Amino acid sequence: MEEAPRSGRPVTYEPALVSEVIQTALSRPADLGEEGYTTWTLDRLVDYLHRVKGIRIKRSRISEIFIAEGLSWRHEETWFGERVDPDFAKKRGLSKPSIPRLQTGV
């Protein structure tokens, strides 16, 4: 459940809570009993922190904590790309056109 917007000074978090968020983010999900995925997304991290640790924190606050600590979120790689299989293009072969060519002058 998201926090409702409110006026005033943003919430400051205790150093112990910030440390818990960072340590959780730096851990592998499987090491914490989270099966089914190998990396954290912000949504998964928010869910885990709330469900398991009892910490209610928004995605934007996690991002702010990471920035303040000099950390950056690693973007998830897809199965596309050279890093996964450098020989992919050779194995795939020539591409076929997605739209058949129009025959002219017949």
Protein backbone atom coordinates (compact mmCIF):
# COMPACT_ATOMS: atom_id res chain seq x y z
CA MET A 1 0.00 0.00 0.00
CA GLU A 2 1.44 3.35 -1.06
CA GLU A 3 1.79 6.24 1.34
CA ALA A 4 -0.58 9.13 0.71
CA PRO A 5 1.04 12.39 -0.41
CA ARG A 6 1.36 14.91 2.38
CA SER A 7 2.79 18.34 2.92
CA GLY A 8 5.75 19.11 5.10
CA ARG A 9 9.23 17.80 5.51
CA PRO A 10 9.93 14.35 4.00
CA VAL A 11 10.30 11.47 6.40
CA THR A 12 13.83 10.82 7.61
CA TYR A 13 14.81 7.25 8.24
CA GLU A 14 16.88 5.94 11.11
CA PRO A 15 20.37 4.74 10.13
CA ALA A 16 19.46 1.17 11.18
CA LEU A 17 16.49 1.14 8.79
CA VAL A 18 18.59 2.58 5.93
CA SER A 19 21.20 -0.09 6.61
CA GLU A 20 18.53 -2.82 6.54
CA VAL A 21 17.19 -1.59 3.20
CA ILE A 22 20.68 -1.46 1.67
CA GLN A 23 21.73 -4.85 3.04
CA THR A 24 18.54 -6.42 1.71
CA ALA A 25 19.04 -4.85 -1.71
CA LEU A 26 22.64 -6.09 -1.85
CA SER A 27 21.60 -9.64 -0.94
CA ARG A 28 20.49 -12.23 -3.44
CA PRO A 29 16.75 -12.97 -3.16
CA ALA A 30 17.38 -16.74 -2.95
CA ASP A 31 19.66 -16.22 0.08
CA LEU A 32 16.70 -14.59 1.84
CA GLY A 33 14.25 -17.37 0.95
CA GLU A 34 12.72 -15.62 -2.04
CA GLU A 35 12.47 -18.23 -4.78
CA GLY A 36 11.34 -17.69 -8.36
CA TYR A 37 13.64 -14.82 -9.29
CA THR A 38 17.36 -14.13 -9.08
CA THR A 39 17.47 -10.33 -8.87
CA TRP A 40 15.59 -7.60 -7.09
CA THR A 41 13.40 -5.09 -8.82
CA LEU A 42 12.21 -2.07 -6.87
CA ASP A 43 8.71 -3.57 -6.69
CA ARG A 44 10.02 -6.90 -5.37
CA LEU A 45 12.22 -5.12 -2.86
CA VAL A 46 9.34 -2.95 -1.61
CA ASP A 47 7.15 -6.05 -1.29
CA TYR A 48 9.82 -8.06 0.56
CA LEU A 49 10.66 -5.23 2.96
CA HIS A 50 6.99 -4.78 3.84
CA ARG A 51 5.97 -8.45 3.92
CA VAL A 52 9.02 -9.92 5.69
CA LYS A 53 10.76 -7.07 7.51
CA GLY A 54 7.69 -4.96 8.31
CA ILE A 55 9.27 -1.89 6.70
CA ARG A 56 6.81 0.29 4.80
CA ILE A 57 8.78 2.31 2.29
CA LYS A 58 8.01 3.65 -1.17
CA ARG A 59 10.04 2.94 -4.30
CA SER A 60 10.97 6.60 -4.56
CA ARG A 61 12.35 6.59 -1.01
CA ILE A 62 14.49 3.53 -1.78
CA SER A 63 15.87 5.32 -4.83
CA GLU A 64 16.62 8.39 -2.70
CA ILE A 65 18.45 6.23 -0.15
CA PHE A 66 20.54 4.61 -2.88
CA ILE A 67 21.44 8.00 -4.41
CA ALA A 68 22.37 9.42 -0.99
CA GLU A 69 24.62 6.40 -0.38
CA GLY A 70 26.22 6.64 -3.82
CA LEU A 71 24.58 3.46 -5.08
CA SER A 72 22.84 3.02 -8.42
CA TRP A 73 20.24 0.53 -9.49
CA ARG A 74 21.47 -2.01 -12.01
CA HIS A 75 19.14 -2.31 -14.96
CA GLU A 76 18.02 -5.84 -15.62
CA GLU A 77 19.46 -7.41 -18.73
CA THR A 78 17.22 -9.19 -21.16
CA TRP A 79 17.97 -12.39 -23.02
CA PHE A 80 18.59 -10.32 -26.15
CA GLY A 81 22.05 -9.09 -26.85
CA GLU A 82 25.61 -9.98 -27.47
CA ARG A 83 26.57 -10.52 -23.82
CA VAL A 84 24.32 -13.54 -23.48
CA ASP A 85 25.53 -15.34 -26.60
CA PRO A 86 28.13 -13.63 -28.78
CA ASP A 87 27.47 -16.14 -31.59
CA PHE A 88 23.72 -15.49 -31.63
CA ALA A 89 23.70 -13.72 -35.00
CA LYS A 90 25.65 -16.54 -36.67
CA LYS A 91 23.43 -19.23 -35.16
CA ARG A 92 20.23 -17.37 -36.06
CA GLY A 93 21.07 -17.03 -39.72
CA LEU A 94 19.67 -14.46 -42.12
CA SER A 95 16.58 -12.53 -41.14
CA LYS A 96 13.41 -13.02 -43.14
CA PRO A 97 11.37 -9.97 -44.09
CA SER A 98 8.27 -9.56 -41.96
CA ILE A 99 6.17 -8.21 -44.86
CA PRO A 100 6.22 -10.01 -48.21
CA ARG A 101 7.42 -7.88 -51.12
CA LEU A 102 4.85 -6.77 -53.64
CA GLN A 103 5.34 -8.20 -57.07
CA THR A 104 5.36 -5.53 -59.77
CA GLY A 105 5.06 -5.68 -63.55
CA VAL A 106 3.56 -9.14 -63.87
